[in-house]
Amino acid sequence: MRPITERIINELLENELVEPAVPRDKLLEGAEAIILEELMVEDRLNDEVREILKKYEGEIEKGRLDYRKLFDLTKQKLIRERNITL
């Protein structure tokens, strides 16, 4: 993660797109935390969808419901409701 963050920060600084108000190491640390948080959004959403679908385990196991289709539909619904960008 650190090399990606360093590249982003270096580009921003070299092109004078930002003027940091904190030391470079703090800037890297903060940027890395933000990037990691954004990357984890979809993982947390997938976990939540799995929890929601546990209610339908019996129907899924009996073949009455398609897990993958239900997963995708539920995920898309949550994305729309929460205005999430992935």
N, C-alpha and C. Protein backbone atom coordinates (compact mmCIF):
# COMPACT_ATOMS: atom_id res chain seq x y z
N MET A 1 0.83 -1.19 0.00
CA MET A 1 0.00 0.00 0.00
C MET A 1 0.88 1.25 0.00
N ARG A 2 1.96 1.20 0.73
CA ARG A 2 2.80 2.39 0.87
C ARG A 2 3.35 2.90 -0.47
N PRO A 3 3.84 2.02 -1.36
CA PRO A 3 4.37 2.52 -2.64
C PRO A 3 3.32 3.27 -3.47
N ILE A 4 2.09 2.80 -3.47
CA ILE A 4 1.02 3.46 -4.21
C ILE A 4 0.75 4.84 -3.61
N THR A 5 0.66 4.88 -2.30
CA THR A 5 0.41 6.15 -1.61
C THR A 5 1.54 7.13 -1.87
N GLU A 6 2.76 6.67 -1.82
CA GLU A 6 3.90 7.55 -2.08
C GLU A 6 3.86 8.11 -3.50
N ARG A 7 3.49 7.27 -4.45
CA ARG A 7 3.40 7.74 -5.83
C ARG A 7 2.35 8.83 -5.99
N ILE A 8 1.21 8.61 -5.37
CA ILE A 8 0.12 9.59 -5.45
C ILE A 8 0.56 10.91 -4.82
N ILE A 9 1.10 10.83 -3.63
CA ILE A 9 1.52 12.04 -2.91
C ILE A 9 2.64 12.75 -3.67
N ASN A 10 3.60 11.98 -4.19
CA ASN A 10 4.70 12.59 -4.95
C ASN A 10 4.17 13.33 -6.17
N GLU A 11 3.22 12.73 -6.88
CA GLU A 11 2.63 13.38 -8.06
C GLU A 11 1.93 14.69 -7.67
N LEU A 12 1.17 14.62 -6.60
CA LEU A 12 0.46 15.82 -6.15
C LEU A 12 1.42 16.93 -5.77
N LEU A 13 2.49 16.57 -5.06
CA LEU A 13 3.46 17.57 -4.62
C LEU A 13 4.29 18.10 -5.78
N GLU A 14 4.77 17.20 -6.65
CA GLU A 14 5.61 17.62 -7.78
C GLU A 14 4.85 18.53 -8.73
N ASN A 15 3.58 18.28 -8.92
CA ASN A 15 2.77 19.10 -9.82
C ASN A 15 2.13 20.29 -9.10
N GLU A 16 2.52 20.46 -7.85
CA GLU A 16 2.04 21.57 -7.02
C GLU A 16 0.51 21.65 -6.99
N LEU A 17 -0.11 20.47 -6.90
CA LEU A 17 -1.57 20.40 -6.83
C LEU A 17 -2.08 20.53 -5.40
N VAL A 18 -1.18 20.31 -4.46
CA VAL A 18 -1.51 20.49 -3.04
C VAL A 18 -0.34 21.17 -2.35
N GLU A 19 -0.68 21.84 -1.29
CA GLU A 19 0.35 22.44 -0.45
C GLU A 19 0.12 21.89 0.95
N PRO A 20 0.93 20.93 1.35
CA PRO A 20 0.69 20.26 2.62
C PRO A 20 0.83 21.18 3.83
N ALA A 21 -0.06 20.96 4.78
CA ALA A 21 -0.03 21.71 6.03
C ALA A 21 0.60 20.89 7.14
N VAL A 22 0.99 19.65 6.80
CA VAL A 22 1.60 18.74 7.77
C VAL A 22 2.87 18.16 7.15
N PRO A 23 3.75 17.61 7.98
CA PRO A 23 4.96 16.98 7.44
C PRO A 23 4.61 15.84 6.48
N ARG A 24 5.52 15.55 5.56
CA ARG A 24 5.30 14.54 4.53
C ARG A 24 4.92 13.18 5.12
N ASP A 25 5.56 12.76 6.19
CA ASP A 25 5.25 11.45 6.77
C ASP A 25 3.82 11.40 7.30
N LYS A 26 3.35 12.49 7.87
CA LYS A 26 1.95 12.56 8.34
C LYS A 26 0.99 12.57 7.16
N LEU A 27 1.38 13.24 6.10
CA LEU A 27 0.57 13.29 4.89
C LEU A 27 0.43 11.89 4.29
N LEU A 28 1.54 11.17 4.22
CA LEU A 28 1.52 9.79 3.72
C LEU A 28 0.64 8.90 4.59
N GLU A 29 0.80 9.04 5.88
CA GLU A 29 0.03 8.23 6.83
C GLU A 29 -1.48 8.48 6.67
N GLY A 30 -1.86 9.73 6.58
CA GLY A 30 -3.27 10.08 6.41
C GLY A 30 -3.83 9.61 5.08
N ALA A 31 -3.06 9.81 4.02
CA ALA A 31 -3.50 9.39 2.68
C ALA A 31 -3.65 7.87 2.63
N GLU A 32 -2.73 7.17 3.23
CA GLU A 32 -2.79 5.71 3.25
C GLU A 32 -4.05 5.23 3.99
N ALA A 33 -4.37 5.87 5.08
CA ALA A 33 -5.57 5.49 5.84
C ALA A 33 -6.84 5.73 5.01
N ILE A 34 -6.88 6.84 4.29
CA ILE A 34 -8.04 7.15 3.45
C ILE A 34 -8.19 6.13 2.32
N ILE A 35 -7.08 5.82 1.67
CA ILE A 35 -7.12 4.85 0.56
C ILE A 35 -7.56 3.48 1.07
N LEU A 36 -7.00 3.05 2.17
CA LEU A 36 -7.36 1.76 2.75
C LEU A 36 -8.85 1.71 3.11
N GLU A 37 -9.35 2.77 3.69
CA GLU A 37 -10.77 2.85 4.05
C GLU A 37 -11.65 2.70 2.81
N GLU A 38 -11.28 3.38 1.74
CA GLU A 38 -12.05 3.30 0.49
C GLU A 38 -12.02 1.90 -0.11
N LEU A 39 -10.87 1.25 -0.01
CA LEU A 39 -10.74 -0.10 -0.55
C LEU A 39 -11.57 -1.11 0.25
N MET A 40 -11.81 -0.82 1.51
CA MET A 40 -12.54 -1.74 2.37
C MET A 40 -14.06 -1.58 2.27
N VAL A 41 -14.53 -0.54 1.61
CA VAL A 41 -15.97 -0.30 1.49
C VAL A 41 -16.67 -1.50 0.86
N GLU A 42 -16.14 -1.99 -0.25
CA GLU A 42 -16.79 -3.11 -0.94
C GLU A 42 -16.72 -4.39 -0.11
N ASP A 43 -15.62 -4.61 0.59
CA ASP A 43 -15.51 -5.79 1.45
C ASP A 43 -16.57 -5.78 2.54
N ARG A 44 -16.76 -4.62 3.18
CA ARG A 44 -17.77 -4.52 4.23
C ARG A 44 -19.18 -4.69 3.66
N LEU A 45 -19.41 -4.14 2.47
CA LEU A 45 -20.70 -4.29 1.82
C LEU A 45 -20.98 -5.76 1.50
N ASN A 46 -19.98 -6.46 0.97
CA ASN A 46 -20.14 -7.88 0.67
C ASN A 46 -20.45 -8.68 1.93
N ASP A 47 -19.78 -8.35 3.03
CA ASP A 47 -20.05 -9.03 4.30
C ASP A 47 -21.50 -8.79 4.74
N GLU A 48 -21.96 -7.57 4.57
CA GLU A 48 -23.33 -7.24 4.96
C GLU A 48 -24.34 -7.99 4.10
N VAL A 49 -24.08 -8.08 2.81
CA VAL A 49 -24.98 -8.82 1.91
C VAL A 49 -25.03 -10.29 2.33
N ARG A 50 -23.88 -10.87 2.65
CA ARG A 50 -23.85 -12.28 3.10
C ARG A 50 -24.71 -12.48 4.35
N GLU A 51 -24.62 -11.51 5.28
CA GLU A 51 -25.44 -11.60 6.49
C GLU A 51 -26.93 -11.53 6.16
N ILE A 52 -27.30 -10.63 5.27
CA ILE A 52 -28.70 -10.50 4.87
C ILE A 52 -29.19 -11.80 4.24
N LEU A 53 -28.37 -12.41 3.41
CA LEU A 53 -28.79 -13.61 2.68
C LEU A 53 -28.85 -14.86 3.57
N LYS A 54 -28.27 -14.79 4.75
CA LYS A 54 -28.36 -15.93 5.67
C LYS A 54 -29.81 -16.28 5.99
N LYS A 55 -30.69 -15.27 5.94
CA LYS A 55 -32.12 -15.50 6.19
C LYS A 55 -32.74 -16.43 5.16
N TYR A 56 -32.13 -16.49 3.99
CA TYR A 56 -32.69 -17.26 2.88
C TYR A 56 -31.91 -18.54 2.60
N GLU A 57 -31.05 -18.94 3.54
CA GLU A 57 -30.21 -20.13 3.35
C GLU A 57 -31.01 -21.37 2.96
N GLY A 58 -32.10 -21.59 3.65
CA GLY A 58 -32.91 -22.77 3.37
C GLY A 58 -33.43 -22.79 1.95
N GLU A 59 -33.95 -21.68 1.50
CA GLU A 59 -34.48 -21.57 0.14
C GLU A 59 -33.37 -21.72 -0.90
N ILE A 60 -32.22 -21.15 -0.60
CA ILE A 60 -31.08 -21.24 -1.52
C ILE A 60 -30.61 -22.67 -1.63
N GLU A 61 -30.50 -23.36 -0.48
CA GLU A 61 -30.04 -24.74 -0.47
C GLU A 61 -31.00 -25.67 -1.20
N LYS A 62 -32.28 -25.37 -1.14
CA LYS A 62 -33.28 -26.19 -1.83
C LYS A 62 -33.31 -25.90 -3.33
N GLY A 63 -32.55 -24.92 -3.75
CA GLY A 63 -32.48 -24.59 -5.17
C GLY A 63 -33.58 -23.67 -5.64
N ARG A 64 -34.35 -23.14 -4.72
CA ARG A 64 -35.45 -22.24 -5.09
C ARG A 64 -34.95 -20.84 -5.42
N LEU A 65 -33.80 -20.49 -4.86
CA LEU A 65 -33.23 -19.17 -5.10
C LEU A 65 -31.78 -19.33 -5.56
N ASP A 66 -31.36 -18.49 -6.48
CA ASP A 66 -29.99 -18.49 -6.98
C ASP A 66 -29.16 -17.55 -6.12
N TYR A 67 -28.20 -18.09 -5.39
CA TYR A 67 -27.42 -17.29 -4.45
C TYR A 67 -26.70 -16.15 -5.15
N ARG A 68 -26.02 -16.42 -6.25
CA ARG A 68 -25.24 -15.40 -6.95
C ARG A 68 -26.13 -14.25 -7.42
N LYS A 69 -27.28 -14.62 -8.00
CA LYS A 69 -28.20 -13.59 -8.49
C LYS A 69 -28.75 -12.77 -7.32
N LEU A 70 -29.14 -13.45 -6.27
CA LEU A 70 -29.67 -12.77 -5.08
C LEU A 70 -28.61 -11.87 -4.46
N PHE A 71 -27.37 -12.36 -4.42
CA PHE A 71 -26.26 -11.58 -3.88
C PHE A 71 -26.09 -10.29 -4.68
N ASP A 72 -26.03 -10.43 -6.01
CA ASP A 72 -25.83 -9.25 -6.87
C ASP A 72 -26.99 -8.26 -6.75
N LEU A 73 -28.21 -8.76 -6.73
CA LEU A 73 -29.37 -7.88 -6.62
C LEU A 73 -29.39 -7.13 -5.28
N THR A 74 -29.08 -7.85 -4.21
CA THR A 74 -29.06 -7.24 -2.88
C THR A 74 -27.95 -6.20 -2.79
N LYS A 75 -26.80 -6.53 -3.33
CA LYS A 75 -25.68 -5.60 -3.31
C LYS A 75 -26.02 -4.33 -4.09
N GLN A 76 -26.59 -4.48 -5.27
CA GLN A 76 -26.96 -3.32 -6.09
C GLN A 76 -28.00 -2.45 -5.38
N LYS A 77 -28.92 -3.10 -4.68
CA LYS A 77 -29.95 -2.36 -3.95
C LYS A 77 -29.30 -1.51 -2.85
N LEU A 78 -28.39 -2.09 -2.09
CA LEU A 78 -27.70 -1.36 -1.04
C LEU A 78 -26.85 -0.22 -1.60
N ILE A 79 -26.22 -0.47 -2.73
CA ILE A 79 -25.40 0.57 -3.37
C ILE A 79 -26.27 1.75 -3.75
N ARG A 80 -27.42 1.48 -4.34
CA ARG A 80 -28.34 2.57 -4.72
C ARG A 80 -28.87 3.31 -3.50
N GLU A 81 -29.32 2.55 -2.49
CA GLU A 81 -29.90 3.17 -1.30
C GLU A 81 -28.90 4.06 -0.56
N ARG A 82 -27.65 3.64 -0.56
CA ARG A 82 -26.63 4.35 0.21
C ARG A 82 -25.78 5.29 -0.65
N ASN A 83 -26.07 5.29 -1.94
CA ASN A 83 -25.32 6.13 -2.88
C ASN A 83 -23.82 5.86 -2.78
N ILE A 84 -23.47 4.58 -2.82
CA ILE A 84 -22.08 4.16 -2.71
C ILE A 84 -21.47 4.11 -4.10
N THR A 85 -20.24 4.57 -4.19
CA THR A 85 -19.48 4.47 -5.45
C THR A 85 -18.36 3.46 -5.24
N LEU A 86 -18.35 2.45 -6.10
CA LEU A 86 -17.30 1.42 -6.00
C LEU A 86 -16.32 1.56 -7.13
